Amino acid sequence: MANAKDRFDAIGIVVDWIDACKQRRLEALLDLYDDGATVECCEGGNFTGRSEMERYWRPRLARAGRRAFTIDALMPEEDGVSLDYRDYDGRPMRTHFRFNHAGKIRLTACEPIQLAA
C-alpha cells in the first residue's frame, strides 16, 4: 500500500520490519524507526528513542523462538498498518504501525490478539 499523500510504501516497511525481526538484524530494525519513535509495549511501558528501543528489542530478538515473527495478516488502516503475527515467544500479537511523512515508523503499539477488537 503506497501512501499516496506521503509517497512511501507502508506495507513494504512493515514487511521489512518483520524480516529484520525474523533475521535478528537489530540495526536494520532500528533504522526503520524515526529517531524519536516510541514502542508501546504490550507488557507495559513505553520505549522512546533509539537507545531505549534497542534496550527493548535486543533481548527479545536474542531469545526469539522458532515460530517467532511469522505473519498471520497484514492490514492497511486509515492512518497506518496493522500486523497480526507471532511475537518472539510465538504468541499471536497485533501491532499497529504509524509513520512520519518520510516513511519512518514513529509508533508501534502491540496487543495480544485475544484482546484485539
C-alpha atoms as a PDB file:
ATOM      1  CA  MET A   1       0.000   0.000   0.000  1.00  0.00           C
ATOM      2  CA  ALA A   2       1.729   3.124  -1.145  1.00  0.00           C
ATOM      3  CA  ASN A   3       0.775   6.131   0.868  1.00  0.00           C
ATOM      4  CA  ALA A   4      -0.228   8.469  -1.965  1.00  0.00           C
ATOM      5  CA  LYS A   5      -0.067  11.591   0.171  1.00  0.00           C
ATOM      6  CA  ASP A   6       3.374  10.876   1.636  1.00  0.00           C
ATOM      7  CA  ARG A   7       4.815   8.734  -1.192  1.00  0.00           C
ATOM      8  CA  PHE A   8       6.053   5.704   0.726  1.00  0.00           C
ATOM      9  CA  ASP A   9       5.053   2.047   0.847  1.00  0.00           C
ATOM     10  CA  ALA A  10       3.759   1.454   4.389  1.00  0.00           C
ATOM     11  CA  ILE A  11       3.113  -2.264   3.777  1.00  0.00           C
ATOM     12  CA  GLY A  12       6.645  -2.665   2.411  1.00  0.00           C
ATOM     13  CA  ILE A  13       8.091  -1.012   5.504  1.00  0.00           C
ATOM     14  CA  VAL A  14       6.157  -3.393   7.771  1.00  0.00           C
ATOM     15  CA  VAL A  15       7.399  -6.368   5.718  1.00  0.00           C
ATOM     16  CA  ASP A  16      10.952  -5.018   6.131  1.00  0.00           C
ATOM     17  CA  TRP A  17      10.259  -4.721   9.885  1.00  0.00           C
ATOM     18  CA  ILE A  18       9.124  -8.349  10.237  1.00  0.00           C
ATOM     19  CA  ASP A  19      12.049  -9.542   8.072  1.00  0.00           C
ATOM     20  CA  ALA A  20      14.545  -7.654  10.271  1.00  0.00           C
ATOM     21  CA  CYS A  21      12.952  -9.232  13.357  1.00  0.00           C
ATOM     22  CA  LYS A  22      12.941 -12.713  11.823  1.00  0.00           C
ATOM     23  CA  GLN A  23      16.598 -12.386  10.824  1.00  0.00           C
ATOM     24  CA  ARG A  24      17.559 -10.859  14.212  1.00  0.00           C
ATOM     25  CA  ARG A  25      19.041  -7.781  12.478  1.00  0.00           C
ATOM     26  CA  LEU A  26      18.765  -5.242  15.272  1.00  0.00           C
ATOM     27  CA  GLU A  27      20.425  -2.336  13.436  1.00  0.00           C
ATOM     28  CA  ALA A  28      18.228  -2.828  10.357  1.00  0.00           C
ATOM     29  CA  LEU A  29      15.158  -2.936  12.604  1.00  0.00           C
ATOM     30  CA  LEU A  30      16.107   0.246  14.446  1.00  0.00           C
ATOM     31  CA  ASP A  31      16.869   2.028  11.157  1.00  0.00           C
ATOM     32  CA  LEU A  32      13.193   1.626  10.167  1.00  0.00           C
ATOM     33  CA  TYR A  33      12.171   3.828  13.109  1.00  0.00           C
ATOM     34  CA  ASP A  34      12.217   7.611  13.351  1.00  0.00           C
ATOM     35  CA  ASP A  35      14.847   8.863  15.824  1.00  0.00           C
ATOM     36  CA  GLY A  36      12.122   9.926  18.274  1.00  0.00           C
ATOM     37  CA  ALA A  37       9.834   6.943  17.722  1.00  0.00           C
ATOM     38  CA  THR A  38       8.041   5.110  20.507  1.00  0.00           C
ATOM     39  CA  VAL A  39       7.453   1.417  21.059  1.00  0.00           C
ATOM     40  CA  GLU A  40       4.377   0.939  23.237  1.00  0.00           C
ATOM     41  CA  CYS A  41       4.996  -2.424  24.824  1.00  0.00           C
ATOM     42  CA  CYS A  42       2.031  -4.708  25.388  1.00  0.00           C
ATOM     43  CA  GLU A  43       3.773  -5.946  28.519  1.00  0.00           C
ATOM     44  CA  GLY A  44       3.678  -2.415  29.900  1.00  0.00           C
ATOM     45  CA  GLY A  45       5.884   0.589  29.365  1.00  0.00           C
ATOM     46  CA  ASN A  46       6.966   2.794  26.513  1.00  0.00           C
ATOM     47  CA  PHE A  47      10.397   2.947  24.912  1.00  0.00           C
ATOM     48  CA  THR A  48      11.208   6.190  23.104  1.00  0.00           C
ATOM     49  CA  GLY A  49      14.292   6.945  21.031  1.00  0.00           C
ATOM     50  CA  ARG A  50      16.869   4.644  19.519  1.00  0.00           C
ATOM     51  CA  SER A  51      18.731   3.684  22.713  1.00  0.00           C
ATOM     52  CA  GLU A  52      15.524   2.775  24.570  1.00  0.00           C
ATOM     53  CA  MET A  53      14.186   0.848  21.565  1.00  0.00           C
ATOM     54  CA  GLU A  54      17.484  -1.019  21.386  1.00  0.00           C
ATOM     55  CA  ARG A  55      17.119  -1.869  25.085  1.00  0.00           C
ATOM     56  CA  TYR A  56      13.616  -3.187  24.312  1.00  0.00           C
ATOM     57  CA  TRP A  57      14.432  -5.137  21.140  1.00  0.00           C
ATOM     58  CA  ARG A  58      17.889  -6.633  21.852  1.00  0.00           C
ATOM     59  CA  PRO A  59      16.785  -9.255  24.419  1.00  0.00           C
ATOM     60  CA  ARG A  60      13.592 -10.088  22.510  1.00  0.00           C
ATOM     61  CA  LEU A  61      15.432 -10.784  19.284  1.00  0.00           C
ATOM     62  CA  ALA A  62      18.075 -12.787  21.158  1.00  0.00           C
ATOM     63  CA  ARG A  63      15.518 -15.129  22.746  1.00  0.00           C
ATOM     64  CA  ALA A  64      13.133 -15.426  19.782  1.00  0.00           C
ATOM     65  CA  GLY A  65      11.814 -18.927  19.226  1.00  0.00           C
ATOM     66  CA  ARG A  66      11.461 -20.964  16.035  1.00  0.00           C
ATOM     67  CA  ARG A  67       7.897 -19.787  15.330  1.00  0.00           C
ATOM     68  CA  ALA A  68       8.713 -16.151  16.013  1.00  0.00           C
ATOM     69  CA  PHE A  69       7.819 -13.391  13.562  1.00  0.00           C
ATOM     70  CA  THR A  70       5.515 -15.339  11.291  1.00  0.00           C
ATOM     71  CA  ILE A  71       2.940 -13.131   9.551  1.00  0.00           C
ATOM     72  CA  ASP A  72      -0.714 -14.109  10.044  1.00  0.00           C
ATOM     73  CA  ALA A  73      -2.309 -10.999   8.466  1.00  0.00           C
ATOM     74  CA  LEU A  74      -1.252  -7.593   7.204  1.00  0.00           C
ATOM     75  CA  MET A  75      -3.957  -4.919   7.022  1.00  0.00           C
ATOM     76  CA  PRO A  76      -3.822  -1.324   5.809  1.00  0.00           C
ATOM     77  CA  GLU A  77      -5.532   1.151   8.123  1.00  0.00           C
ATOM     78  CA  GLU A  78      -6.578   4.722   7.536  1.00  0.00           C
ATOM     79  CA  ASP A  79      -3.593   6.060   9.482  1.00  0.00           C
ATOM     80  CA  GLY A  80      -1.098   3.197   9.175  1.00  0.00           C
ATOM     81  CA  VAL A  81      -0.874  -0.577   9.079  1.00  0.00           C
ATOM     82  CA  SER A  82      -1.820  -3.416  11.444  1.00  0.00           C
ATOM     83  CA  LEU A  83       0.164  -6.617  11.520  1.00  0.00           C
ATOM     84  CA  ASP A  84      -1.023  -9.884  13.065  1.00  0.00           C
ATOM     85  CA  TYR A  85       1.977 -12.116  13.677  1.00  0.00           C
ATOM     86  CA  ARG A  86       3.703 -14.414  16.148  1.00  0.00           C
ATOM     87  CA  ASP A  87       5.870 -12.488  18.578  1.00  0.00           C
ATOM     88  CA  TYR A  88       9.320 -13.527  19.834  1.00  0.00           C
ATOM     89  CA  ASP A  89       7.685 -16.169  22.084  1.00  0.00           C
ATOM     90  CA  GLY A  90       5.385 -17.424  19.302  1.00  0.00           C
ATOM     91  CA  ARG A  91       2.283 -15.764  20.803  1.00  0.00           C
ATOM     92  CA  PRO A  92      -0.288 -14.230  18.441  1.00  0.00           C
ATOM     93  CA  MET A  93       0.016 -10.445  18.549  1.00  0.00           C
ATOM     94  CA  ARG A  94      -1.296  -7.418  16.692  1.00  0.00           C
ATOM     95  CA  THR A  95       0.957  -4.425  16.223  1.00  0.00           C
ATOM     96  CA  HIS A  96      -0.284  -1.098  14.910  1.00  0.00           C
ATOM     97  CA  PHE A  97       2.270   0.930  12.932  1.00  0.00           C
ATOM     98  CA  ARG A  98       2.137   4.691  12.475  1.00  0.00           C
ATOM     99  CA  PHE A  99       4.552   6.563  10.206  1.00  0.00           C
ATOM    100  CA  ASN A 100       6.018  10.002   9.783  1.00  0.00           C
ATOM    101  CA  HIS A 101       5.900  11.808   6.422  1.00  0.00           C
ATOM    102  CA  ALA A 102       9.315  10.419   5.446  1.00  0.00           C
ATOM    103  CA  GLY A 103       8.127   6.810   5.817  1.00  0.00           C
ATOM    104  CA  LYS A 104       9.874   6.104   9.104  1.00  0.00           C
ATOM    105  CA  ILE A 105       7.971   4.308  11.851  1.00  0.00           C
ATOM    106  CA  ARG A 106       7.013   6.826  14.530  1.00  0.00           C
ATOM    107  CA  LEU A 107       4.963   4.435  16.700  1.00  0.00           C
ATOM    108  CA  THR A 108       4.410   0.737  17.182  1.00  0.00           C
ATOM    109  CA  ALA A 109       1.777  -0.365  19.667  1.00  0.00           C
ATOM    110  CA  CYS A 110       1.086  -4.038  20.265  1.00  0.00           C
ATOM    111  CA  GLU A 111      -1.654  -6.028  21.916  1.00  0.00           C
ATOM    112  CA  PRO A 112      -2.307  -9.733  22.331  1.00  0.00           C
ATOM    113  CA  ILE A 113      -4.572 -10.921  19.530  1.00  0.00           C
ATOM    114  CA  GLN A 114      -7.173 -12.202  22.011  1.00  0.00           C
ATOM    115  CA  LEU A 115      -7.752  -8.621  23.171  1.00  0.00           C
ATOM    116  CA  ALA A 116      -7.803  -7.048  19.725  1.00  0.00           C
ATOM    117  CA  ALA A 117     -11.140  -5.732  18.547  1.00  0.00           C
END
